[in-house]
Amino acid sequence: MRMNERKYYVKVGNMYFQRFDELDAIFIVDDQPGAKIGASKLDKSKAEDIAKVLGVETELVEE
């Protein structure tokens, strides 16, 4: 992985995708400082694939 590779969150309203657990998608609710720490930071291709399956959008990780 390149150091300058951009990462993305998969976002649904005020929730961020964390992982799939068998048949369920697990999300982190962004309702307090630091909530996004547990959210998955994905490369653009993987984030877009998940967003397409869930019918949602991606958001660039600002670091």
Protein backbone atom coordinates (compact mmCIF):
# COMPACT_ATOMS: atom_id res chain seq x y z
CA MET A 1 0.00 0.00 0.00
CA ARG A 2 1.31 3.43 -0.92
CA MET A 3 1.67 6.04 1.79
CA ASN A 4 -0.32 8.64 -0.17
CA GLU A 5 -3.19 6.34 -1.15
CA ARG A 6 -6.50 8.01 -0.27
CA LYS A 7 -8.94 6.19 1.98
CA TYR A 8 -12.72 6.41 2.07
CA TYR A 9 -15.56 5.78 4.50
CA VAL A 10 -18.87 4.27 3.41
CA LYS A 11 -21.56 6.54 4.85
CA VAL A 12 -25.30 6.13 5.43
CA GLY A 13 -26.86 9.28 6.89
CA ASN A 14 -25.01 9.82 10.16
CA MET A 15 -23.60 6.28 10.26
CA TYR A 16 -20.33 4.85 8.97
CA PHE A 17 -19.78 1.28 7.75
CA GLN A 18 -17.63 -0.88 10.01
CA ARG A 19 -17.88 -4.43 8.62
CA PHE A 20 -20.11 -7.23 7.40
CA ASP A 21 -21.03 -9.85 10.02
CA GLU A 22 -22.44 -12.91 8.25
CA LEU A 23 -25.61 -11.43 6.68
CA ASP A 24 -25.60 -8.08 8.50
CA ALA A 25 -23.84 -4.81 7.79
CA ILE A 26 -22.47 -3.25 11.00
CA PHE A 27 -22.33 0.56 11.27
CA ILE A 28 -20.92 3.11 13.72
CA VAL A 29 -23.25 6.00 14.60
CA ASP A 30 -21.43 9.34 14.32
CA ASP A 31 -23.05 10.90 17.39
CA GLN A 32 -20.02 11.81 19.51
CA PRO A 33 -16.38 12.88 19.07
CA GLY A 34 -14.17 10.01 17.98
CA ALA A 35 -17.03 7.83 16.79
CA LYS A 36 -15.44 7.36 13.34
CA ILE A 37 -12.38 5.67 14.86
CA GLY A 38 -14.10 2.28 14.58
CA ALA A 39 -15.30 2.86 11.01
CA SER A 40 -13.57 1.09 8.14
CA LYS A 41 -11.12 3.16 6.09
CA LEU A 42 -11.15 1.58 2.65
CA ASP A 43 -9.42 2.10 -0.67
CA LYS A 44 -11.60 3.77 -3.29
CA SER A 45 -12.47 0.59 -5.20
CA LYS A 46 -13.51 -1.40 -2.11
CA ALA A 47 -15.48 1.56 -0.69
CA GLU A 48 -17.33 2.02 -3.99
CA ASP A 49 -18.14 -1.71 -4.19
CA ILE A 50 -19.64 -1.72 -0.68
CA ALA A 51 -21.48 1.56 -1.29
CA LYS A 52 -23.01 0.13 -4.46
CA VAL A 53 -24.24 -2.99 -2.63
CA LEU A 54 -25.75 -0.87 0.17
CA GLY A 55 -27.06 1.88 -2.13
CA VAL A 56 -25.18 4.61 -0.27
CA GLU A 57 -22.24 7.02 -0.77
CA THR A 58 -18.55 7.24 0.09
CA GLU A 59 -16.72 10.01 1.94
CA LEU A 60 -13.02 10.83 1.71
CA VAL A 61 -11.15 10.29 4.98
CA GLU A 62 -9.67 13.61 6.14
CA GLU A 63 -6.48 13.02 8.11
